[in-house]
Amino acid sequence: MVLARVANLFSPGIPSSLVDDGRRGGGFAMESMESLPEIREETPVREEVDHEAVRPPYIHAMLAGGIGGTTGDMLMHSLDTVKTRQQGDPHMPPKYTSMGNTYYTIWRQEGIRKGLYGGVQPAFLGSFSGTVLFFGAYEWSKRWMIDYGITPSISYFTAGLIADLAAAPVYVPSEVLKTRLQLQGRYNNPFFNSGYNYLSTVHAARTIARIEGFGALFYGYKATLWRDLPFSALQFAFYEEERTIAKRYVGSNNIGLPLEILTAASAGGMAGVITTPLDVVKTRIQTQVNGSPSASVHPATATLSPSSSSRHSSAPKPGKPPPTQSNRPISTSSPSTTLRAHSAATLDTSSVITGLRIIYKTEGIWGCFRGVGPRAVWTSVQSGTMLVLYQTLLKWFEQHPLVKIENNAV
């Protein structure tokens, strides 16, 4: 009787019927008591897998996310340029075909710094500030929802949406500058006349604000949110759920580097492929050209020529400026686009839904998934780098805390 009460006291997970049966039968009692150590060993494992039990300070999460996100973006910037060229190429048939062909063509014709790494400065600034805000908002909203009893999977998904909304005001202007400079390539580019010709990031920002208005830096804001909100929500929902499964499989919070990379890369890759059509529309809206004949053109900006469809077959002679047409200034706010002159799909709208319908009707399902290869690789590697560095830096900050936090539960 005493043994039965002791067993119930220290082993609440053991049904009382088993103890009673053991009390009545000596052989079974020994078998039940022998299984107690095994059951007791499982209890701390379940507690260790509770990844919400220990929460890093917000400053640690924000810095780890900012450093990880910026590193991933910088590492994959050249591939992002390849994706942008494929999606924003106004020609039918496109000049850029496969991912390898696009990468090699840009590198051979325009080089690395102005070609493959065009727009890297605004990308760096927007990436760090945006990811710092993102991870701060993500951790706060996720913890708040979980503390109020909301299902973890829903909390992860919703927190991704909220975090992207918080980062968008900083991220979108840098995305506009980055996308235009990526599509432009080098200054006075003789190999690809995108309609842009900025000297630098500062010159691009000043020119856009002066000629098109300050609001032009936020062109494609809705389209960017249409792409990034579902991407972030899906990415972190996949990531958190995959890490939970990995923790259960390993039986520890420390799942090891291979599983960290696999969960992070697969989560980003799946989210990237699913949201590719939204990325195509976003790129088209942010790089389309204003067809208003009454607008003025800044002399430093290159404009489109009706004969520009043949510009890839022959480069302009040295010293000869690229052909211009004064009634087609650059503006991503207009529903018209450079695609009209090349018999490709013309959006004629700034609506994401309408743009998707037009692209699907004129270019088919593959038109909606232009650049899916580079995007899948880019999101996989970028997410893998960002999230693995995020977890690694959190562990480092835990050993070298920046702030003194009691119970580590901020």
Protein backbone atom coordinates (compact mmCIF):
# COMPACT_ATOMS: atom_id res chain seq x y z
CA MET A 1 0.00 0.00 0.00
CA VAL A 2 2.85 2.35 0.91
CA LEU A 3 4.66 1.49 -2.35
CA ALA A 4 1.50 2.18 -4.29
CA ARG A 5 1.09 5.63 -2.74
CA VAL A 6 4.76 6.46 -3.30
CA ALA A 7 4.48 5.41 -6.93
CA ASN A 8 1.39 7.59 -7.38
CA LEU A 9 3.09 10.53 -5.69
CA PHE A 10 6.27 10.57 -7.77
CA SER A 11 4.81 9.16 -11.01
CA PRO A 12 1.55 10.98 -11.71
CA GLY A 13 1.64 9.81 -15.32
CA ILE A 14 1.16 6.13 -14.27
CA PRO A 15 -2.46 5.03 -14.14
CA SER A 16 -3.58 4.03 -10.66
CA SER A 17 -5.01 0.80 -12.08
CA LEU A 18 -1.52 -0.40 -12.95
CA VAL A 19 -0.34 0.26 -9.41
CA ASP A 20 -3.35 -1.48 -7.94
CA ASP A 21 -2.81 -4.47 -10.19
CA GLY A 22 0.81 -4.53 -9.17
CA ARG A 23 -0.17 -4.46 -5.52
CA ARG A 24 -2.39 -7.49 -6.09
CA GLY A 25 0.17 -9.40 -8.16
CA GLY A 26 3.78 -9.31 -7.09
CA GLY A 27 5.18 -10.27 -10.52
CA PHE A 28 3.36 -7.51 -12.32
CA ALA A 29 4.35 -5.02 -9.64
CA MET A 30 8.01 -5.65 -10.36
CA GLU A 31 7.40 -5.27 -14.09
CA SER A 32 5.59 -1.96 -13.55
CA MET A 33 8.27 -0.64 -11.21
CA GLU A 34 11.00 -1.62 -13.66
CA SER A 35 9.33 0.51 -16.33
CA LEU A 36 9.29 3.59 -14.08
CA PRO A 37 12.80 4.84 -15.00
CA GLU A 38 11.93 4.68 -18.70
CA ILE A 39 8.75 6.72 -18.17
CA ARG A 40 10.58 9.23 -15.97
CA GLU A 41 13.21 9.74 -18.68
CA GLU A 42 10.55 10.71 -21.21
CA THR A 43 9.11 13.53 -19.09
CA PRO A 44 12.14 15.89 -19.22
CA VAL A 45 12.47 15.25 -22.98
CA ARG A 46 8.92 16.52 -23.53
CA GLU A 47 9.73 19.57 -21.41
CA GLU A 48 12.95 20.20 -23.38
CA VAL A 49 11.12 20.12 -26.69
CA ASP A 50 8.82 22.91 -25.51
CA HIS A 51 10.46 25.60 -27.58
CA GLU A 52 8.26 28.33 -26.12
CA ALA A 53 9.57 27.72 -22.58
CA VAL A 54 12.72 29.82 -23.12
CA ARG A 55 12.37 33.10 -24.97
CA PRO A 56 15.31 35.28 -26.01
CA PRO A 57 15.27 39.01 -25.23
CA TYR A 58 13.83 41.11 -28.01
CA ILE A 59 17.14 42.88 -28.65
CA HIS A 60 18.81 39.50 -29.21
CA ALA A 61 16.10 38.34 -31.60
CA MET A 62 16.15 41.61 -33.56
CA LEU A 63 19.95 41.72 -33.96
CA ALA A 64 20.20 38.03 -34.78
CA GLY A 65 17.44 38.38 -37.37
CA GLY A 66 18.94 41.56 -38.84
CA ILE A 67 22.42 40.08 -39.22
CA GLY A 68 21.10 36.76 -40.51
CA GLY A 69 18.68 38.33 -42.98
CA THR A 70 21.22 40.81 -44.35
CA THR A 71 23.85 38.09 -44.76
CA GLY A 72 21.40 35.92 -46.68
CA ASP A 73 20.31 38.79 -48.92
CA MET A 74 23.86 39.86 -49.73
CA LEU A 75 24.92 36.29 -50.43
CA MET A 76 22.10 35.79 -52.93
CA HIS A 77 21.89 39.29 -54.42
CA SER A 78 23.34 38.27 -57.77
CA LEU A 79 20.75 35.53 -58.15
CA ASP A 80 18.03 38.01 -57.21
CA THR A 81 19.30 40.20 -60.06
CA VAL A 82 18.97 37.24 -62.43
CA LYS A 83 15.37 36.71 -61.27
CA THR A 84 14.56 40.42 -61.68
CA ARG A 85 15.97 40.50 -65.21
CA GLN A 86 13.94 37.45 -66.21
CA GLN A 87 10.72 38.85 -64.74
CA GLY A 88 11.22 42.40 -66.01
CA ASP A 89 12.55 41.54 -69.48
CA PRO A 90 10.19 43.34 -71.90
CA HIS A 91 11.01 41.22 -74.94
CA MET A 92 9.07 38.43 -76.57
CA PRO A 93 10.79 36.08 -76.96
CA PRO A 94 12.76 37.02 -73.83
CA LYS A 95 16.43 37.86 -74.06
CA TYR A 96 17.10 35.92 -70.86
CA THR A 97 16.04 32.28 -70.89
CA SER A 98 17.51 29.84 -68.38
CA MET A 99 18.98 30.78 -65.04
CA GLY A 100 22.51 29.81 -66.09
CA ASN A 101 22.23 31.68 -69.39
CA THR A 102 20.99 34.83 -67.66
CA TYR A 103 23.73 34.70 -65.04
CA TYR A 104 26.47 34.21 -67.63
CA THR A 105 25.11 36.86 -70.01
CA ILE A 106 24.90 39.58 -67.34
CA TRP A 107 28.33 38.70 -65.98
CA ARG A 108 29.98 38.68 -69.42
CA GLN A 109 28.33 41.87 -70.71
CA GLU A 110 28.04 44.03 -67.58
CA GLY A 111 30.38 42.60 -64.97
CA ILE A 112 29.81 41.86 -61.31
CA ARG A 113 29.62 45.20 -59.48
CA LYS A 114 27.30 47.08 -61.86
CA GLY A 115 25.71 44.03 -63.42
CA LEU A 116 25.06 41.12 -61.08
CA TYR A 117 25.38 43.32 -57.98
CA GLY A 118 23.52 46.34 -59.26
CA GLY A 119 21.31 47.82 -56.54
CA VAL A 120 23.25 46.16 -53.72
CA GLN A 121 23.45 49.38 -51.63
CA PRO A 122 19.70 49.93 -51.21
CA ALA A 123 19.31 46.19 -50.79
CA PHE A 124 21.75 46.21 -47.85
CA LEU A 125 20.14 49.18 -46.11
CA GLY A 126 16.61 47.91 -46.61
CA SER A 127 17.49 44.36 -45.65
CA PHE A 128 19.07 45.16 -42.30
CA SER A 129 16.53 47.73 -41.13
CA GLY A 130 13.63 45.68 -42.47
CA THR A 131 14.68 42.38 -40.88
CA VAL A 132 15.39 44.05 -37.51
CA LEU A 133 11.84 45.39 -37.47
CA PHE A 134 10.50 42.12 -38.83
CA PHE A 135 11.95 39.87 -36.15
CA GLY A 136 11.03 42.27 -33.38
CA ALA A 137 7.40 42.35 -34.51
CA TYR A 138 7.37 38.61 -35.19
CA GLU A 139 8.60 37.63 -31.74
CA TRP A 140 6.28 40.06 -29.98
CA SER A 141 3.12 39.07 -31.88
CA LYS A 142 3.92 35.33 -31.76
CA ARG A 143 4.46 35.36 -28.01
CA TRP A 144 1.36 37.48 -27.40
CA MET A 145 -0.88 35.10 -29.36
CA ILE A 146 0.58 31.94 -27.82
CA ASP A 147 0.21 33.41 -24.33
CA TYR A 148 -3.46 34.02 -25.07
CA GLY A 149 -3.95 30.39 -26.01
CA ILE A 150 -4.04 30.69 -29.80
CA THR A 151 -2.94 27.56 -31.66
CA PRO A 152 0.82 27.71 -32.39
CA SER A 153 0.44 27.09 -36.15
CA ILE A 154 -2.05 29.96 -36.43
CA SER A 155 0.18 32.13 -34.24
CA TYR A 156 3.20 31.53 -36.50
CA PHE A 157 1.24 32.28 -39.66
CA THR A 158 -0.38 35.44 -38.29
CA ALA A 159 2.86 36.66 -36.71
CA GLY A 160 4.52 36.46 -40.13
CA LEU A 161 1.81 38.70 -41.59
CA ILE A 162 2.07 41.24 -38.78
CA ALA A 163 5.87 41.30 -38.94
CA ASP A 164 5.87 42.01 -42.67
CA LEU A 165 3.41 44.85 -42.21
CA ALA A 166 5.75 46.38 -39.64
CA ALA A 167 8.79 46.12 -41.93
CA ALA A 168 7.11 47.22 -45.18
CA PRO A 169 7.40 51.04 -44.74
CA VAL A 170 11.19 50.68 -44.56
CA TYR A 171 11.56 47.79 -46.97
CA VAL A 172 9.43 48.96 -49.91
CA PRO A 173 11.41 52.12 -50.86
CA SER A 174 14.65 50.14 -50.82
CA GLU A 175 12.96 47.47 -52.94
CA VAL A 176 11.92 50.07 -55.55
CA LEU A 177 15.48 51.43 -55.79
CA LYS A 178 17.02 47.96 -55.79
CA THR A 179 14.70 46.63 -58.49
CA ARG A 180 15.25 49.57 -60.83
CA LEU A 181 19.02 49.47 -60.45
CA GLN A 182 19.05 45.70 -60.95
CA LEU A 183 16.98 45.99 -64.10
CA GLN A 184 19.08 48.91 -65.35
CA GLY A 185 22.47 47.32 -64.90
CA ARG A 186 25.41 49.62 -65.43
CA TYR A 187 25.07 53.30 -66.34
CA ASN A 188 24.48 53.84 -70.07
CA ASN A 189 24.07 50.10 -70.44
CA PRO A 190 24.41 49.24 -74.17
CA PHE A 191 23.25 45.65 -73.67
CA PHE A 192 19.91 46.09 -71.92
CA ASN A 193 17.77 49.22 -72.24
CA SER A 194 15.39 48.91 -69.32
CA GLY A 195 14.26 52.53 -69.35
CA TYR A 196 16.36 53.48 -66.32
CA ASN A 197 19.76 55.15 -66.24
CA TYR A 198 20.75 56.29 -62.78
CA LEU A 199 24.29 57.18 -61.75
CA SER A 200 23.99 55.83 -58.21
CA THR A 201 21.54 54.98 -55.45
CA VAL A 202 21.42 58.59 -54.22
CA HIS A 203 20.97 59.88 -57.74
CA ALA A 204 18.19 57.39 -58.33
CA ALA A 205 16.35 58.42 -55.16
CA ARG A 206 16.70 62.13 -55.91
CA THR A 207 15.66 61.73 -59.54
CA ILE A 208 12.60 59.64 -58.67
CA ALA A 209 11.52 62.09 -55.94
CA ARG A 210 12.05 65.15 -58.16
CA ILE A 211 10.56 63.86 -61.42
CA GLU A 212 7.92 61.41 -60.21
CA GLY A 213 7.31 62.64 -56.69
CA PHE A 214 8.31 61.26 -53.31
CA GLY A 215 5.41 58.81 -53.44
CA ALA A 216 7.10 57.08 -56.37
CA LEU A 217 9.49 55.47 -53.89
CA PHE A 218 6.48 53.57 -52.61
CA TYR A 219 5.23 52.40 -56.02
CA GLY A 220 4.25 48.80 -55.89
CA TYR A 221 3.61 49.06 -52.13
CA LYS A 222 0.41 47.04 -52.36
CA ALA A 223 1.98 44.60 -54.79
CA THR A 224 4.96 44.14 -52.48
CA LEU A 225 2.64 43.44 -49.56
CA TRP A 226 0.66 41.02 -51.73
CA ARG A 227 3.89 39.11 -52.32
CA ASP A 228 5.65 39.44 -48.97
CA LEU A 229 2.74 38.96 -46.57
CA PRO A 230 1.84 35.45 -47.76
CA PHE A 231 5.51 34.60 -48.30
CA SER A 232 6.51 35.52 -44.75
CA ALA A 233 3.42 33.87 -43.28
CA LEU A 234 4.00 30.63 -45.19
CA GLN A 235 7.76 30.69 -44.61
CA PHE A 236 7.53 30.95 -40.83
CA ALA A 237 4.53 28.64 -40.56
CA PHE A 238 6.47 25.97 -42.49
CA TYR A 239 9.67 26.69 -40.56
CA GLU A 240 8.20 26.56 -37.06
CA GLU A 241 6.22 23.41 -37.80
CA GLU A 242 9.21 21.68 -39.41
CA ARG A 243 11.43 22.55 -36.44
CA THR A 244 8.80 21.19 -34.07
CA ILE A 245 8.76 17.90 -35.99
CA ALA A 246 12.58 17.85 -36.03
CA LYS A 247 12.73 18.44 -32.26
CA ARG A 248 10.36 15.58 -31.63
CA TYR A 249 12.38 13.35 -33.93
CA VAL A 250 15.70 14.22 -32.26
CA GLY A 251 14.22 14.52 -28.77
CA SER A 252 16.01 17.78 -28.06
CA ASN A 253 15.87 21.50 -28.78
CA ASN A 254 19.29 21.17 -30.41
CA ILE A 255 18.40 19.51 -33.72
CA GLY A 256 21.87 19.88 -35.23
CA LEU A 257 23.15 21.88 -38.18
CA PRO A 258 21.96 19.55 -41.01
CA LEU A 259 18.35 19.64 -39.80
CA GLU A 260 18.58 23.39 -39.13
CA ILE A 261 19.62 23.95 -42.75
CA LEU A 262 17.03 21.52 -44.12
CA THR A 263 14.10 23.01 -42.23
CA ALA A 264 15.06 26.62 -43.01
CA ALA A 265 15.86 26.08 -46.70
CA SER A 266 12.80 23.94 -47.44
CA ALA A 267 10.48 26.40 -45.69
CA GLY A 268 11.80 29.33 -47.70
CA GLY A 269 11.87 27.38 -50.97
CA MET A 270 8.28 26.18 -50.68
CA ALA A 271 7.02 29.64 -49.77
CA GLY A 272 9.01 31.17 -52.63
CA VAL A 273 7.63 28.83 -55.29
CA ILE A 274 4.03 29.28 -54.12
CA THR A 275 4.27 33.09 -54.21
CA THR A 276 6.16 33.40 -57.52
CA PRO A 277 3.13 34.76 -59.49
CA LEU A 278 2.78 37.56 -56.93
CA ASP A 279 6.49 38.30 -57.29
CA VAL A 280 6.14 38.53 -61.08
CA VAL A 281 3.31 41.06 -60.78
CA LYS A 282 5.24 43.05 -58.19
CA THR A 283 8.27 43.29 -60.46
CA ARG A 284 6.17 44.36 -63.44
CA ILE A 285 4.37 47.07 -61.48
CA GLN A 286 7.57 48.49 -59.99
CA THR A 287 9.33 48.61 -63.37
CA GLN A 288 6.61 49.65 -65.79
CA VAL A 289 6.83 52.86 -67.81
CA ASN A 290 4.51 55.86 -67.86
CA GLY A 291 3.06 56.46 -71.27
CA SER A 292 1.83 59.98 -70.60
CA PRO A 293 3.06 62.19 -73.44
CA SER A 294 2.75 65.34 -71.40
CA ALA A 295 5.19 64.37 -68.67
CA SER A 296 8.72 65.66 -68.68
CA VAL A 297 11.89 63.61 -68.71
CA HIS A 298 15.00 64.20 -66.69
CA PRO A 299 18.02 64.34 -68.98
CA ALA A 300 19.88 61.81 -66.90
CA THR A 301 17.30 59.10 -67.38
CA ALA A 302 17.29 56.85 -70.40
CA THR A 303 14.00 56.36 -72.18
CA LEU A 304 12.62 53.89 -74.62
CA SER A 305 12.77 53.93 -78.35
CA PRO A 306 10.30 52.29 -80.73
CA SER A 307 13.21 50.52 -82.33
CA SER A 308 14.61 49.26 -79.04
CA SER A 309 13.50 45.73 -79.80
CA SER A 310 16.63 45.32 -81.87
CA ARG A 311 19.02 46.84 -79.35
CA HIS A 312 20.39 43.49 -78.26
CA SER A 313 21.69 42.57 -81.70
CA SER A 314 23.90 45.64 -82.06
CA ALA A 315 25.35 47.89 -79.38
CA PRO A 316 25.48 51.67 -79.97
CA LYS A 317 28.68 53.14 -81.25
CA PRO A 318 31.12 54.58 -78.70
CA GLY A 319 30.25 58.14 -77.82
CA LYS A 320 26.78 57.90 -79.30
CA PRO A 321 24.01 58.26 -76.69
CA PRO A 322 21.30 55.65 -76.58
CA PRO A 323 18.15 56.49 -78.56
CA THR A 324 15.54 58.36 -76.59
CA GLN A 325 11.91 59.30 -76.92
CA SER A 326 10.82 62.30 -74.89
CA ASN A 327 7.21 61.29 -74.44
CA ARG A 328 7.88 58.04 -72.52
CA PRO A 329 9.30 58.98 -69.10
CA ILE A 330 9.97 56.44 -66.40
CA SER A 331 7.27 55.86 -63.80
CA THR A 332 6.23 52.68 -62.14
CA SER A 333 2.87 54.19 -61.17
CA SER A 334 1.38 54.04 -64.63
CA PRO A 335 -0.76 51.15 -65.84
CA SER A 336 1.10 51.14 -69.16
CA THR A 337 4.34 49.23 -69.60
CA THR A 338 7.28 48.79 -71.96
CA LEU A 339 5.92 45.39 -72.89
CA ARG A 340 3.48 46.95 -75.36
CA ALA A 341 6.20 47.76 -77.89
CA HIS A 342 7.47 44.21 -77.86
CA SER A 343 4.19 42.28 -78.22
CA ALA A 344 4.33 40.95 -74.67
CA ALA A 345 1.65 41.19 -72.01
CA THR A 346 0.61 44.73 -71.08
CA LEU A 347 -0.79 45.04 -67.59
CA ASP A 348 -2.75 48.29 -68.13
CA THR A 349 -3.46 48.24 -64.40
CA SER A 350 -1.84 48.55 -61.02
CA SER A 351 -4.18 45.92 -59.56
CA VAL A 352 -2.45 42.69 -58.56
CA ILE A 353 -5.47 40.50 -59.32
CA THR A 354 -6.06 42.10 -62.71
CA GLY A 355 -2.37 41.87 -63.50
CA LEU A 356 -2.35 38.16 -62.72
CA ARG A 357 -5.34 37.62 -65.01
CA ILE A 358 -3.71 39.51 -67.88
CA ILE A 359 -0.42 37.66 -67.57
CA TYR A 360 -2.21 34.31 -67.39
CA LYS A 361 -4.39 35.03 -70.44
CA THR A 362 -1.55 36.35 -72.60
CA GLU A 363 1.46 34.31 -71.44
CA GLY A 364 -0.12 31.26 -69.84
CA ILE A 365 0.72 29.63 -66.55
CA TRP A 366 4.44 29.80 -67.27
CA GLY A 367 4.16 33.56 -67.65
CA CYS A 368 2.94 33.70 -64.06
CA PHE A 369 5.95 31.63 -62.99
CA ARG A 370 8.68 33.48 -64.88
CA GLY A 371 11.85 33.38 -62.80
CA VAL A 372 10.56 30.55 -60.59
CA GLY A 373 13.88 28.71 -60.82
CA PRO A 374 16.05 31.58 -59.54
CA ARG A 375 13.37 32.49 -56.99
CA ALA A 376 13.21 28.95 -55.62
CA VAL A 377 16.99 28.76 -55.28
CA TRP A 378 17.21 32.30 -53.93
CA THR A 379 14.53 31.88 -51.27
CA SER A 380 15.91 28.49 -50.22
CA VAL A 381 19.49 29.68 -49.76
CA GLN A 382 18.49 33.07 -48.36
CA SER A 383 16.06 31.57 -45.86
CA GLY A 384 18.52 28.84 -44.94
CA THR A 385 21.28 31.37 -44.32
CA MET A 386 19.05 33.81 -42.44
CA LEU A 387 17.32 31.32 -40.15
CA VAL A 388 20.39 29.18 -39.41
CA LEU A 389 22.38 32.31 -38.55
CA TYR A 390 19.39 33.51 -36.50
CA GLN A 391 19.43 30.38 -34.34
CA THR A 392 23.24 30.38 -34.12
CA LEU A 393 23.40 34.02 -33.05
CA LEU A 394 20.65 33.51 -30.48
CA LYS A 395 22.78 30.80 -28.87
CA TRP A 396 25.81 33.09 -28.98
CA PHE A 397 23.87 35.95 -27.40
CA GLU A 398 22.68 33.54 -24.73
CA GLN A 399 26.33 32.97 -23.78
CA HIS A 400 27.22 36.67 -24.24
CA PRO A 401 24.05 38.56 -23.28
CA LEU A 402 23.75 42.20 -24.24
CA VAL A 403 21.23 42.85 -21.46
CA LYS A 404 20.56 41.35 -18.08
CA ILE A 405 17.22 39.57 -18.19
CA GLU A 406 15.73 37.69 -15.26
CA ASN A 407 14.38 34.23 -16.11
CA ASN A 408 15.21 34.95 -19.79
CA ALA A 409 11.50 35.32 -20.52
CA VAL A 410 11.13 38.72 -22.10
